[in-house]
């Protein structure tokens, strides 16, 4: 049965062992991890370096990590714009409404957290 509503901290924690590897292309990398992607911002590149210093995942997991950090970067940029422009904007009829980037930021944060959880990285 699927739980409805807010999940408890225990339900959100990752329980279990490492995922079973099904292909040699998924085998853990025995060499140094790849450098951070160049299209990431400096903060996200530092997060990459911090994560891979302690974590060795399958080679293909680094692509998921890169996507997670791109989502983090998107959320950070949205946050910066909202901080500069304010939490609300004026609608076409003069009403006050939430800044549209708040929804984008929320979605990007959720994507970042979900992808790290998928990799088994606790934050």
PDB file of N, CA and C in Angstrom:
ATOM      1  N   UNK A   1       0.837  -1.162   0.000  1.00  0.00           N
ATOM      2  CA  UNK A   1       0.000   0.000   0.000  1.00  0.00           C
ATOM      3  C   UNK A   1       0.890   1.234   0.000  1.00  0.00           C
ATOM      4  N   UNK A   2       0.599   2.184  -0.843  1.00  0.00           N
ATOM      5  CA  UNK A   2       1.376   3.390  -0.968  1.00  0.00           C
ATOM      6  C   UNK A   2       0.927   4.410   0.072  1.00  0.00           C
ATOM      7  N   UNK A   3       1.902   4.968   0.759  1.00  0.00           N
ATOM      8  CA  UNK A   3       1.587   5.962   1.789  1.00  0.00           C
ATOM      9  C   UNK A   3       1.227   7.279   1.124  1.00  0.00           C
ATOM     10  N   UNK A   4       0.208   7.925   1.659  1.00  0.00           N
ATOM     11  CA  UNK A   4      -0.201   9.223   1.148  1.00  0.00           C
ATOM     12  C   UNK A   4       0.322  10.306   2.064  1.00  0.00           C
ATOM     13  N   UNK A   5       0.545  11.478   1.521  1.00  0.00           N
ATOM     14  CA  UNK A   5       0.969  12.597   2.331  1.00  0.00           C
ATOM     15  C   UNK A   5       2.470  12.624   2.558  1.00  0.00           C
ATOM     16  N   UNK A   6       2.865  13.387   3.534  1.00  0.00           N
ATOM     17  CA  UNK A   6       4.281  13.582   3.848  1.00  0.00           C
ATOM     18  C   UNK A   6       4.906  12.301   4.390  1.00  0.00           C
ATOM     19  N   UNK A   7       6.066  11.963   3.861  1.00  0.00           N
ATOM     20  CA  UNK A   7       6.775  10.763   4.286  1.00  0.00           C
ATOM     21  C   UNK A   7       7.617  11.072   5.519  1.00  0.00           C
ATOM     22  N   UNK A   8       7.769  10.098   6.380  1.00  0.00           N
ATOM     23  CA  UNK A   8       8.603  10.266   7.560  1.00  0.00           C
ATOM     24  C   UNK A   8      10.069  10.233   7.148  1.00  0.00           C
ATOM     25  N   UNK A   9      10.932  10.726   8.021  1.00  0.00           N
ATOM     26  CA  UNK A   9      12.371  10.703   7.754  1.00  0.00           C
ATOM     27  C   UNK A   9      12.853   9.265   7.547  1.00  0.00           C
ATOM     28  N   UNK A  10      12.295   8.346   8.342  1.00  0.00           N
ATOM     29  CA  UNK A  10      12.680   6.936   8.209  1.00  0.00           C
ATOM     30  C   UNK A  10      12.273   6.377   6.853  1.00  0.00           C
ATOM     31  N   UNK A  11      11.101   6.754   6.372  1.00  0.00           N
ATOM     32  CA  UNK A  11      10.637   6.261   5.080  1.00  0.00           C
ATOM     33  C   UNK A  11      11.477   6.831   3.944  1.00  0.00           C
ATOM     34  N   UNK A  12      12.027   8.037   4.145  1.00  0.00           N
ATOM     35  CA  UNK A  12      12.828   8.653   3.101  1.00  0.00           C
ATOM     36  C   UNK A  12      14.280   8.199   3.113  1.00  0.00           C
ATOM     37  N   UNK A  13      14.731   7.611   4.220  1.00  0.00           N
ATOM     38  CA  UNK A  13      16.129   7.177   4.276  1.00  0.00           C
ATOM     39  C   UNK A  13      16.316   5.973   3.373  1.00  0.00           C
ATOM     40  N   UNK A  14      17.503   5.827   2.913  1.00  0.00           N
ATOM     41  CA  UNK A  14      17.796   4.726   1.995  1.00  0.00           C
ATOM     42  C   UNK A  14      18.178   3.512   2.813  1.00  0.00           C
ATOM     43  N   UNK A  15      17.409   2.453   2.637  1.00  0.00           N
ATOM     44  CA  UNK A  15      17.654   1.217   3.368  1.00  0.00           C
ATOM     45  C   UNK A  15      17.963   0.149   2.341  1.00  0.00           C
ATOM     46  N   UNK A  16      18.939  -0.653   2.631  1.00  0.00           N
ATOM     47  CA  UNK A  16      19.247  -1.746   1.718  1.00  0.00           C
ATOM     48  C   UNK A  16      20.684  -1.699   1.269  1.00  0.00           C
ATOM     49  N   UNK A  17      21.009  -2.617   0.429  1.00  0.00           N
ATOM     50  CA  UNK A  17      22.383  -2.724  -0.026  1.00  0.00           C
ATOM     51  C   UNK A  17      22.555  -1.992  -1.342  1.00  0.00           C
ATOM     52  N   UNK A  18      23.757  -2.044  -1.808  1.00  0.00           N
ATOM     53  CA  UNK A  18      24.091  -1.443  -3.086  1.00  0.00           C
ATOM     54  C   UNK A  18      23.322  -2.116  -4.214  1.00  0.00           C
ATOM     55  N   UNK A  19      22.931  -1.360  -5.242  1.00  0.00           N
ATOM     56  CA  UNK A  19      22.212  -1.994  -6.348  1.00  0.00           C
ATOM     57  C   UNK A  19      23.068  -3.041  -7.036  1.00  0.00           C
ATOM     58  N   UNK A  20      22.431  -4.090  -7.492  1.00  0.00           N
ATOM     59  CA  UNK A  20      23.136  -5.170  -8.176  1.00  0.00           C
ATOM     60  C   UNK A  20      23.554  -4.691  -9.559  1.00  0.00           C
ATOM     61  N   UNK A  21      24.788  -4.951  -9.921  1.00  0.00           N
ATOM     62  CA  UNK A  21      25.291  -4.540 -11.217  1.00  0.00           C
ATOM     63  C   UNK A  21      24.950  -5.622 -12.238  1.00  0.00           C
ATOM     64  N   UNK A  22      24.409  -5.208 -13.381  1.00  0.00           N
ATOM     65  CA  UNK A  22      23.976  -6.172 -14.380  1.00  0.00           C
ATOM     66  C   UNK A  22      24.835  -6.155 -15.635  1.00  0.00           C
ATOM     67  N   UNK A  23      25.735  -5.210 -15.732  1.00  0.00           N
ATOM     68  CA  UNK A  23      26.538  -5.113 -16.931  1.00  0.00           C
ATOM     69  C   UNK A  23      27.944  -4.671 -16.559  1.00  0.00           C
ATOM     70  N   UNK A  24      28.909  -5.058 -17.370  1.00  0.00           N
ATOM     71  CA  UNK A  24      30.277  -4.635 -17.089  1.00  0.00           C
ATOM     72  C   UNK A  24      30.434  -3.137 -17.243  1.00  0.00           C
ATOM     73  N   UNK A  25      29.576  -2.499 -18.050  1.00  0.00           N
ATOM     74  CA  UNK A  25      29.654  -1.046 -18.202  1.00  0.00           C
ATOM     75  C   UNK A  25      29.192  -0.341 -16.930  1.00  0.00           C
ATOM     76  N   UNK A  26      28.553  -1.077 -16.041  1.00  0.00           N
ATOM     77  CA  UNK A  26      28.108  -0.506 -14.774  1.00  0.00           C
ATOM     78  C   UNK A  26      29.065  -0.830 -13.636  1.00  0.00           C
ATOM     79  N   UNK A  27      30.124  -1.562 -13.927  1.00  0.00           N
ATOM     80  CA  UNK A  27      31.057  -1.954 -12.876  1.00  0.00           C
ATOM     81  C   UNK A  27      31.683  -0.724 -12.250  1.00  0.00           C
ATOM     82  N   UNK A  28      31.957  -0.790 -10.942  1.00  0.00           N
ATOM     83  CA  UNK A  28      32.575   0.365 -10.297  1.00  0.00           C
ATOM     84  C   UNK A  28      33.888   0.732 -10.967  1.00  0.00           C
ATOM     85  N   UNK A  29      34.098   2.014 -11.068  1.00  0.00           N
ATOM     86  CA  UNK A  29      35.303   2.508 -11.704  1.00  0.00           C
ATOM     87  C   UNK A  29      36.496   2.303 -10.786  1.00  0.00           C
ATOM     88  N   UNK A  30      37.532   1.649 -11.285  1.00  0.00           N
ATOM     89  CA  UNK A  30      38.719   1.402 -10.473  1.00  0.00           C
ATOM     90  C   UNK A  30      39.745   2.510 -10.667  1.00  0.00           C
ATOM     91  N   UNK A  31      39.542   3.341 -11.672  1.00  0.00           N
ATOM     92  CA  UNK A  31      40.449   4.448 -11.924  1.00  0.00           C
ATOM     93  C   UNK A  31      39.917   5.706 -11.257  1.00  0.00           C
ATOM     94  N   UNK A  32      40.675   6.776 -11.376  1.00  0.00           N
ATOM     95  CA  UNK A  32      40.231   8.040 -10.799  1.00  0.00           C
ATOM     96  C   UNK A  32      38.897   8.466 -11.401  1.00  0.00           C
ATOM     97  N   UNK A  33      38.045   9.094 -10.599  1.00  0.00           N
ATOM     98  CA  UNK A  33      36.757   9.537 -11.124  1.00  0.00           C
ATOM     99  C   UNK A  33      36.948  10.652 -12.153  1.00  0.00           C
ATOM    100  N   UNK A  34      35.987  10.816 -13.038  1.00  0.00           N
ATOM    101  CA  UNK A  34      36.112  11.863 -14.050  1.00  0.00           C
ATOM    102  C   UNK A  34      36.053  13.250 -13.402  1.00  0.00           C
ATOM    103  N   UNK A  35      36.627  14.234 -14.070  1.00  0.00           N
ATOM    104  CA  UNK A  35      36.536  15.599 -13.542  1.00  0.00           C
ATOM    105  C   UNK A  35      35.098  16.104 -13.672  1.00  0.00           C
ATOM    106  N   UNK A  36      34.755  17.173 -12.953  1.00  0.00           N
ATOM    107  CA  UNK A  36      33.387  17.695 -13.071  1.00  0.00           C
ATOM    108  C   UNK A  36      33.128  18.229 -14.473  1.00  0.00           C
ATOM    109  N   UNK A  37      31.894  18.096 -14.950  1.00  0.00           N
ATOM    110  CA  UNK A  37      31.564  18.645 -16.271  1.00  0.00           C
ATOM    111  C   UNK A  37      31.825  20.148 -16.316  1.00  0.00           C
ATOM    112  N   UNK A  38      32.314  20.619 -17.441  1.00  0.00           N
ATOM    113  CA  UNK A  38      32.669  22.032 -17.579  1.00  0.00           C
ATOM    114  C   UNK A  38      31.463  22.954 -17.581  1.00  0.00           C
ATOM    115  N   UNK A  39      30.280  22.440 -17.929  1.00  0.00           N
ATOM    116  CA  UNK A  39      29.101  23.307 -17.984  1.00  0.00           C
ATOM    117  C   UNK A  39      28.467  23.538 -16.612  1.00  0.00           C
ATOM    118  N   UNK A  40      29.048  22.963 -15.562  1.00  0.00           N
ATOM    119  CA  UNK A  40      28.560  23.214 -14.213  1.00  0.00           C
ATOM    120  C   UNK A  40      29.212  24.486 -13.675  1.00  0.00           C
ATOM    121  N   UNK A  41      28.475  25.168 -12.810  1.00  0.00           N
ATOM    122  CA  UNK A  41      29.016  26.345 -12.155  1.00  0.00           C
ATOM    123  C   UNK A  41      30.096  25.960 -11.158  1.00  0.00           C
ATOM    124  N   UNK A  42      30.824  26.950 -10.660  1.00  0.00           N
ATOM    125  CA  UNK A  42      31.926  26.675  -9.731  1.00  0.00           C
ATOM    126  C   UNK A  42      31.430  25.971  -8.469  1.00  0.00           C
ATOM    127  N   UNK A  43      30.281  26.406  -7.923  1.00  0.00           N
ATOM    128  CA  UNK A  43      29.744  25.763  -6.721  1.00  0.00           C
ATOM    129  C   UNK A  43      29.427  24.298  -6.983  1.00  0.00           C
ATOM    130  N   UNK A  44      28.779  24.010  -8.098  1.00  0.00           N
ATOM    131  CA  UNK A  44      28.415  22.632  -8.425  1.00  0.00           C
ATOM    132  C   UNK A  44      29.657  21.786  -8.722  1.00  0.00           C
ATOM    133  N   UNK A  45      30.687  22.386  -9.323  1.00  0.00           N
ATOM    134  CA  UNK A  45      31.932  21.651  -9.544  1.00  0.00           C
ATOM    135  C   UNK A  45      32.592  21.300  -8.214  1.00  0.00           C
ATOM    136  N   UNK A  46      32.497  22.199  -7.238  1.00  0.00           N
ATOM    137  CA  UNK A  46      33.057  21.907  -5.923  1.00  0.00           C
ATOM    138  C   UNK A  46      32.259  20.792  -5.235  1.00  0.00           C
ATOM    139  N   UNK A  47      30.930  20.820  -5.384  1.00  0.00           N
ATOM    140  CA  UNK A  47      30.102  19.745  -4.825  1.00  0.00           C
ATOM    141  C   UNK A  47      30.491  18.416  -5.472  1.00  0.00           C
ATOM    142  N   UNK A  48      30.688  18.411  -6.792  1.00  0.00           N
ATOM    143  CA  UNK A  48      31.135  17.210  -7.513  1.00  0.00           C
ATOM    144  C   UNK A  48      32.423  16.676  -6.885  1.00  0.00           C
ATOM    145  N   UNK A  49      33.415  17.570  -6.712  1.00  0.00           N
ATOM    146  CA  UNK A  49      34.701  17.135  -6.160  1.00  0.00           C
ATOM    147  C   UNK A  49      34.536  16.600  -4.738  1.00  0.00           C
ATOM    148  N   UNK A  50      33.691  17.244  -3.947  1.00  0.00           N
ATOM    149  CA  UNK A  50      33.457  16.784  -2.573  1.00  0.00           C
ATOM    150  C   UNK A  50      32.809  15.403  -2.549  1.00  0.00           C
ATOM    151  N   UNK A  51      31.847  15.185  -3.444  1.00  0.00           N
ATOM    152  CA  UNK A  51      31.146  13.892  -3.478  1.00  0.00           C
ATOM    153  C   UNK A  51      32.073  12.786  -3.948  1.00  0.00           C
ATOM    154  N   UNK A  52      32.759  13.000  -5.069  1.00  0.00           N
ATOM    155  CA  UNK A  52      33.570  11.913  -5.628  1.00  0.00           C
ATOM    156  C   UNK A  52      34.828  11.654  -4.813  1.00  0.00           C
ATOM    157  N   UNK A  53      35.204  12.564  -3.913  1.00  0.00           N
ATOM    158  CA  UNK A  53      36.348  12.312  -3.045  1.00  0.00           C
ATOM    159  C   UNK A  53      36.070  11.148  -2.099  1.00  0.00           C
ATOM    160  N   UNK A  54      34.807  10.986  -1.700  1.00  0.00           N
ATOM    161  CA  UNK A  54      34.423   9.942  -0.744  1.00  0.00           C
ATOM    162  C   UNK A  54      33.593   8.820  -1.365  1.00  0.00           C
ATOM    163  N   UNK A  55      33.214   8.951  -2.615  1.00  0.00           N
ATOM    164  CA  UNK A  55      32.240   8.043  -3.206  1.00  0.00           C
ATOM    165  C   UNK A  55      32.775   7.499  -4.525  1.00  0.00           C
ATOM    166  N   UNK A  56      32.650   6.225  -4.700  1.00  0.00           N
ATOM    167  CA  UNK A  56      32.985   5.600  -5.980  1.00  0.00           C
ATOM    168  C   UNK A  56      31.771   4.808  -6.429  1.00  0.00           C
ATOM    169  N   UNK A  57      31.190   5.228  -7.509  1.00  0.00           N
ATOM    170  CA  UNK A  57      30.021   4.538  -8.022  1.00  0.00           C
ATOM    171  C   UNK A  57      30.332   3.918  -9.368  1.00  0.00           C
ATOM    172  N   UNK A  58      29.350   3.264  -9.934  1.00  0.00           N
ATOM    173  CA  UNK A  58      29.507   2.724 -11.291  1.00  0.00           C
ATOM    174  C   UNK A  58      29.813   3.864 -12.268  1.00  0.00           C
ATOM    175  N   UNK A  59      30.493   3.559 -13.334  1.00  0.00           N
ATOM    176  CA  UNK A  59      30.858   4.600 -14.306  1.00  0.00           C
ATOM    177  C   UNK A  59      29.649   5.382 -14.796  1.00  0.00           C
ATOM    178  N   UNK A  60      28.554   4.683 -15.045  1.00  0.00           N
ATOM    179  CA  UNK A  60      27.367   5.376 -15.550  1.00  0.00           C
ATOM    180  C   UNK A  60      26.697   6.243 -14.480  1.00  0.00           C
ATOM    181  N   UNK A  61      26.999   6.018 -13.234  1.00  0.00           N
ATOM    182  CA  UNK A  61      26.410   6.825 -12.166  1.00  0.00           C
ATOM    183  C   UNK A  61      26.904   8.262 -12.210  1.00  0.00           C
ATOM    184  N   UNK A  62      28.070   8.490 -12.785  1.00  0.00           N
ATOM    185  CA  UNK A  62      28.585   9.860 -12.871  1.00  0.00           C
ATOM    186  C   UNK A  62      27.705  10.726 -13.772  1.00  0.00           C
ATOM    187  N   UNK A  63      27.060  10.122 -14.760  1.00  0.00           N
ATOM    188  CA  UNK A  63      26.120  10.882 -15.602  1.00  0.00           C
ATOM    189  C   UNK A  63      24.901  11.309 -14.788  1.00  0.00           C
ATOM    190  N   UNK A  64      24.438  10.427 -13.911  1.00  0.00           N
ATOM    191  CA  UNK A  64      23.315  10.777 -13.039  1.00  0.00           C
ATOM    192  C   UNK A  64      23.738  11.877 -12.072  1.00  0.00           C
ATOM    193  N   UNK A  65      24.945  11.787 -11.543  1.00  0.00           N
ATOM    194  CA  UNK A  65      25.459  12.822 -10.651  1.00  0.00           C
ATOM    195  C   UNK A  65      25.542  14.160 -11.378  1.00  0.00           C
ATOM    196  N   UNK A  66      25.993  14.139 -12.631  1.00  0.00           N
ATOM    197  CA  UNK A  66      26.067  15.378 -13.418  1.00  0.00           C
ATOM    198  C   UNK A  66      24.672  15.985 -13.604  1.00  0.00           C
ATOM    199  N   UNK A  67      23.667  15.143 -13.910  1.00  0.00           N
ATOM    200  CA  UNK A  67      22.296  15.642 -14.050  1.00  0.00           C
ATOM    201  C   UNK A  67      21.784  16.210 -12.737  1.00  0.00           C
ATOM    202  N   UNK A  68      22.111  15.555 -11.639  1.00  0.00           N
ATOM    203  CA  UNK A  68      21.682  16.053 -10.327  1.00  0.00           C
ATOM    204  C   UNK A  68      22.272  17.431 -10.060  1.00  0.00           C
ATOM    205  N   UNK A  69      23.534  17.605 -10.396  1.00  0.00           N
ATOM    206  CA  UNK A  69      24.175  18.894 -10.140  1.00  0.00           C
ATOM    207  C   UNK A  69      23.695  19.974 -11.110  1.00  0.00           C
ATOM    208  N   UNK A  70      23.267  19.578 -12.293  1.00  0.00           N
ATOM    209  CA  UNK A  70      22.642  20.558 -13.204  1.00  0.00           C
ATOM    210  C   UNK A  70      21.310  21.023 -12.634  1.00  0.00           C
ATOM    211  N   UNK A  71      20.580  20.108 -12.001  1.00  0.00           N
ATOM    212  CA  UNK A  71      19.328  20.492 -11.343  1.00  0.00           C
ATOM    213  C   UNK A  71      19.623  21.420 -10.164  1.00  0.00           C
ATOM    214  N   UNK A  72      20.684  21.126  -9.422  1.00  0.00           N
ATOM    215  CA  UNK A  72      21.095  21.994  -8.310  1.00  0.00           C
ATOM    216  C   UNK A  72      21.422  23.390  -8.828  1.00  0.00           C
ATOM    217  N   UNK A  73      22.141  23.451  -9.939  1.00  0.00           N
ATOM    218  CA  UNK A  73      22.513  24.731 -10.543  1.00  0.00           C
ATOM    219  C   UNK A  73      21.278  25.506 -10.975  1.00  0.00           C
ATOM    220  N   UNK A  74      20.317  24.821 -11.577  1.00  0.00           N
ATOM    221  CA  UNK A  74      19.060  25.452 -11.991  1.00  0.00           C
ATOM    222  C   UNK A  74      18.329  26.036 -10.788  1.00  0.00           C
ATOM    223  N   UNK A  75      18.244  25.268  -9.702  1.00  0.00           N
ATOM    224  CA  UNK A  75      17.577  25.735  -8.488  1.00  0.00           C
ATOM    225  C   UNK A  75      18.301  26.945  -7.910  1.00  0.00           C
ATOM    226  N   UNK A  76      19.627  26.917  -7.924  1.00  0.00           N
ATOM    227  CA  UNK A  76      20.408  28.033  -7.391  1.00  0.00           C
ATOM    228  C   UNK A  76      20.174  29.302  -8.206  1.00  0.00           C
ATOM    229  N   UNK A  77      20.169  29.173  -9.529  1.00  0.00           N
ATOM    230  CA  UNK A  77      19.943  30.338 -10.389  1.00  0.00           C
ATOM    231  C   UNK A  77      18.539  30.901 -10.198  1.00  0.00           C
ATOM    232  N   UNK A  78      17.558  30.020 -10.073  1.00  0.00           N
ATOM    233  CA  UNK A  78      16.188  30.475  -9.815  1.00  0.00           C
ATOM    234  C   UNK A  78      16.117  31.220  -8.492  1.00  0.00           C
ATOM    235  N   UNK A  79      16.783  30.683  -7.492  1.00  0.00           N
ATOM    236  CA  UNK A  79      16.801  31.306  -6.173  1.00  0.00           C
ATOM    237  C   UNK A  79      17.413  32.702  -6.228  1.00  0.00           C
ATOM    238  N   UNK A  80      18.472  32.854  -7.001  1.00  0.00           N
ATOM    239  CA  UNK A  80      19.116  34.158  -7.142  1.00  0.00           C
ATOM    240  C   UNK A  80      18.194  35.177  -7.796  1.00  0.00           C
ATOM    241  N   UNK A  81      17.460  34.758  -8.827  1.00  0.00           N
ATOM    242  CA  UNK A  81      16.531  35.662  -9.507  1.00  0.00           C
ATOM    243  C   UNK A  81      15.391  36.047  -8.571  1.00  0.00           C
ATOM    244  N   UNK A  82      14.849  35.076  -7.870  1.00  0.00           N
ATOM    245  CA  UNK A  82      13.753  35.354  -6.941  1.00  0.00           C
ATOM    246  C   UNK A  82      14.227  36.285  -5.823  1.00  0.00           C
ATOM    247  N   UNK A  83      15.453  36.085  -5.347  1.00  0.00           N
ATOM    248  CA  UNK A  83      15.991  36.966  -4.305  1.00  0.00           C
ATOM    249  C   UNK A  83      16.111  38.398  -4.806  1.00  0.00           C
ATOM    250  N   UNK A  84      16.462  38.569  -6.069  1.00  0.00           N
ATOM    251  CA  UNK A  84      16.607  39.906  -6.640  1.00  0.00           C
ATOM    252  C   UNK A  84      15.253  40.538  -6.962  1.00  0.00           C
ATOM    253  N   UNK A  85      14.294  39.743  -7.440  1.00  0.00           N
ATOM    254  CA  UNK A  85      13.016  40.283  -7.907  1.00  0.00           C
ATOM    255  C   UNK A  85      11.911  40.211  -6.872  1.00  0.00           C
ATOM    256  N   UNK A  86      12.071  39.391  -5.867  1.00  0.00           N
ATOM    257  CA  UNK A  86      11.036  39.237  -4.849  1.00  0.00           C
ATOM    258  C   UNK A  86      10.235  37.967  -5.050  1.00  0.00           C
ATOM    259  N   UNK A  87       9.568  37.547  -3.958  1.00  0.00           N
ATOM    260  CA  UNK A  87       8.809  36.292  -3.968  1.00  0.00           C
ATOM    261  C   UNK A  87       7.504  36.398  -4.764  1.00  0.00           C
ATOM    262  N   UNK A  88       7.047  37.613  -4.991  1.00  0.00           N
ATOM    263  CA  UNK A  88       5.789  37.798  -5.714  1.00  0.00           C
ATOM    264  C   UNK A  88       5.997  38.703  -6.918  1.00  0.00           C
ATOM    265  N   UNK A  89       5.126  38.543  -7.881  1.00  0.00           N
ATOM    266  CA  UNK A  89       5.110  39.398  -9.066  1.00  0.00           C
ATOM    267  C   UNK A  89       3.672  39.872  -9.270  1.00  0.00           C
ATOM    268  N   UNK A  90       3.526  40.876 -10.102  1.00  0.00           N
ATOM    269  CA  UNK A  90       2.185  41.368 -10.402  1.00  0.00           C
ATOM    270  C   UNK A  90       1.649  40.632 -11.618  1.00  0.00           C
ATOM    271  N   UNK A  91       0.437  40.106 -11.490  1.00  0.00           N
ATOM    272  CA  UNK A  91      -0.195  39.405 -12.595  1.00  0.00           C
ATOM    273  C   UNK A  91      -0.723  40.373 -13.630  1.00  0.00           C
ATOM    274  N   UNK A  92      -1.252  39.859 -14.718  1.00  0.00           N
ATOM    275  CA  UNK A  92      -1.722  40.721 -15.807  1.00  0.00           C
ATOM    276  C   UNK A  92      -2.895  41.599 -15.405  1.00  0.00           C
ATOM    277  N   UNK A  93      -3.659  41.164 -14.407  1.00  0.00           N
ATOM    278  CA  UNK A  93      -4.792  41.960 -13.949  1.00  0.00           C
ATOM    279  C   UNK A  93      -4.464  42.764 -12.697  1.00  0.00           C
ATOM    280  N   UNK A  94      -3.180  42.884 -12.374  1.00  0.00           N
ATOM    281  CA  UNK A  94      -2.763  43.667 -11.232  1.00  0.00           C
ATOM    282  C   UNK A  94      -2.742  42.916  -9.911  1.00  0.00           C
ATOM    283  N   UNK A  95      -3.114  41.659  -9.913  1.00  0.00           N
ATOM    284  CA  UNK A  95      -3.111  40.875  -8.674  1.00  0.00           C
ATOM    285  C   UNK A  95      -1.696  40.426  -8.344  1.00  0.00           C
ATOM    286  N   UNK A  96      -1.454  40.158  -7.077  1.00  0.00           N
ATOM    287  CA  UNK A  96      -0.161  39.645  -6.629  1.00  0.00           C
ATOM    288  C   UNK A  96      -0.194  38.130  -6.711  1.00  0.00           C
ATOM    289  N   UNK A  97       0.867  37.570  -7.289  1.00  0.00           N
ATOM    290  CA  UNK A  97       0.960  36.110  -7.371  1.00  0.00           C
ATOM    291  C   UNK A  97       2.400  35.686  -7.120  1.00  0.00           C
ATOM    292  N   UNK A  98       2.573  34.415  -6.826  1.00  0.00           N
ATOM    293  CA  UNK A  98       3.902  33.871  -6.548  1.00  0.00           C
ATOM    294  C   UNK A  98       4.780  33.981  -7.790  1.00  0.00           C
ATOM    295  N   UNK A  99       6.040  34.222  -7.566  1.00  0.00           N
ATOM    296  CA  UNK A  99       6.991  34.312  -8.679  1.00  0.00           C
ATOM    297  C   UNK A  99       7.003  32.972  -9.408  1.00  0.00           C
ATOM    298  N   UNK A 100       6.921  32.977 -10.735  1.00  0.00           N
ATOM    299  CA  UNK A 100       6.883  31.714 -11.491  1.00  0.00           C
ATOM    300  C   UNK A 100       8.123  30.836 -11.304  1.00  0.00           C
ATOM    301  N   UNK A 101       9.260  31.439 -10.999  1.00  0.00           N
ATOM    302  CA  UNK A 101      10.475  30.640 -10.829  1.00  0.00           C
ATOM    303  C   UNK A 101      10.483  29.851  -9.525  1.00  0.00           C
ATOM    304  N   UNK A 102       9.574  30.160  -8.608  1.00  0.00           N
ATOM    305  CA  UNK A 102       9.495  29.374  -7.377  1.00  0.00           C
ATOM    306  C   UNK A 102       9.127  27.924  -7.686  1.00  0.00           C
ATOM    307  N   UNK A 103       8.228  27.721  -8.632  1.00  0.00           N
ATOM    308  CA  UNK A 103       7.839  26.355  -9.018  1.00  0.00           C
ATOM    309  C   UNK A 103       8.992  25.633  -9.715  1.00  0.00           C
ATOM    310  N   UNK A 104       9.735  26.351 -10.545  1.00  0.00           N
ATOM    311  CA  UNK A 104      10.886  25.759 -11.225  1.00  0.00           C
ATOM    312  C   UNK A 104      11.946  25.373 -10.195  1.00  0.00           C
ATOM    313  N   UNK A 105      12.185  26.276  -9.228  1.00  0.00           N
ATOM    314  CA  UNK A 105      13.166  26.001  -8.176  1.00  0.00           C
ATOM    315  C   UNK A 105      12.774  24.767  -7.368  1.00  0.00           C
ATOM    316  N   UNK A 106      11.508  24.683  -6.981  1.00  0.00           N
ATOM    317  CA  UNK A 106      11.015  23.546  -6.200  1.00  0.00           C
ATOM    318  C   UNK A 106      11.197  22.237  -6.971  1.00  0.00           C
ATOM    319  N   UNK A 107      10.881  22.254  -8.246  1.00  0.00           N
ATOM    320  CA  UNK A 107      11.022  21.057  -9.077  1.00  0.00           C
ATOM    321  C   UNK A 107      12.497  20.660  -9.219  1.00  0.00           C
ATOM    322  N   UNK A 108      13.367  21.635  -9.397  1.00  0.00           N
ATOM    323  CA  UNK A 108      14.791  21.344  -9.547  1.00  0.00           C
ATOM    324  C   UNK A 108      15.377  20.779  -8.257  1.00  0.00           C
ATOM    325  N   UNK A 109      14.969  21.321  -7.117  1.00  0.00           N
ATOM    326  CA  UNK A 109      15.446  20.799  -5.831  1.00  0.00           C
ATOM    327  C   UNK A 109      14.996  19.352  -5.654  1.00  0.00           C
ATOM    328  N   UNK A 110      13.743  19.086  -5.977  1.00  0.00           N
ATOM    329  CA  UNK A 110      13.224  17.720  -5.853  1.00  0.00           C
ATOM    330  C   UNK A 110      13.994  16.762  -6.768  1.00  0.00           C
ATOM    331  N   UNK A 111      14.304  17.211  -7.982  1.00  0.00           N
ATOM    332  CA  UNK A 111      15.060  16.379  -8.913  1.00  0.00           C
ATOM    333  C   UNK A 111      16.464  16.111  -8.371  1.00  0.00           C
ATOM    334  N   UNK A 112      17.109  17.116  -7.855  1.00  0.00           N
ATOM    335  CA  UNK A 112      18.450  16.977  -7.272  1.00  0.00           C
ATOM    336  C   UNK A 112      18.437  15.961  -6.143  1.00  0.00           C
ATOM    337  N   UNK A 113      17.503  16.113  -5.229  1.00  0.00           N
ATOM    338  CA  UNK A 113      17.428  15.210  -4.085  1.00  0.00           C
ATOM    339  C   UNK A 113      17.092  13.783  -4.504  1.00  0.00           C
ATOM    340  N   UNK A 114      16.189  13.637  -5.457  1.00  0.00           N
ATOM    341  CA  UNK A 114      15.788  12.309  -5.923  1.00  0.00           C
ATOM    342  C   UNK A 114      16.957  11.588  -6.600  1.00  0.00           C
ATOM    343  N   UNK A 115      17.730  12.316  -7.394  1.00  0.00           N
ATOM    344  CA  UNK A 115      18.853  11.692  -8.084  1.00  0.00           C
ATOM    345  C   UNK A 115      19.961  11.301  -7.124  1.00  0.00           C
ATOM    346  N   UNK A 116      20.225  12.135  -6.104  1.00  0.00           N
ATOM    347  CA  UNK A 116      21.227  11.749  -5.112  1.00  0.00           C
ATOM    348  C   UNK A 116      20.761  10.523  -4.349  1.00  0.00           C
ATOM    349  N   UNK A 117      19.472  10.466  -4.044  1.00  0.00           N
ATOM    350  CA  UNK A 117      18.922   9.311  -3.341  1.00  0.00           C
ATOM    351  C   UNK A 117      19.077   8.054  -4.197  1.00  0.00           C
ATOM    352  N   UNK A 118      18.840   8.188  -5.490  1.00  0.00           N
ATOM    353  CA  UNK A 118      18.986   7.064  -6.410  1.00  0.00           C
ATOM    354  C   UNK A 118      20.428   6.543  -6.402  1.00  0.00           C
ATOM    355  N   UNK A 119      21.382   7.443  -6.257  1.00  0.00           N
ATOM    356  CA  UNK A 119      22.793   7.050  -6.231  1.00  0.00           C
ATOM    357  C   UNK A 119      23.230   6.530  -4.879  1.00  0.00           C
ATOM    358  N   UNK A 120      22.360   6.669  -3.881  1.00  0.00           N
ATOM    359  CA  UNK A 120      22.707   6.227  -2.532  1.00  0.00           C
ATOM    360  C   UNK A 120      23.572   7.227  -1.792  1.00  0.00           C
ATOM    361  N   UNK A 121      23.548   8.478  -2.225  1.00  0.00           N
ATOM    362  CA  UNK A 121      24.331   9.529  -1.583  1.00  0.00           C
ATOM    363  C   UNK A 121      23.420  10.256  -0.608  1.00  0.00           C
ATOM    364  N   UNK A 122      23.798  10.226   0.660  1.00  0.00           N
ATOM    365  CA  UNK A 122      22.985  10.901   1.676  1.00  0.00           C
ATOM    366  C   UNK A 122      23.436  12.335   1.789  1.00  0.00           C
ATOM    367  N   UNK A 123      22.455  13.198   1.915  1.00  0.00           N
ATOM    368  CA  UNK A 123      22.763  14.632   2.015  1.00  0.00           C
ATOM    369  C   UNK A 123      22.181  15.210   3.264  1.00  0.00           C
TER     370      UNK A 123
END
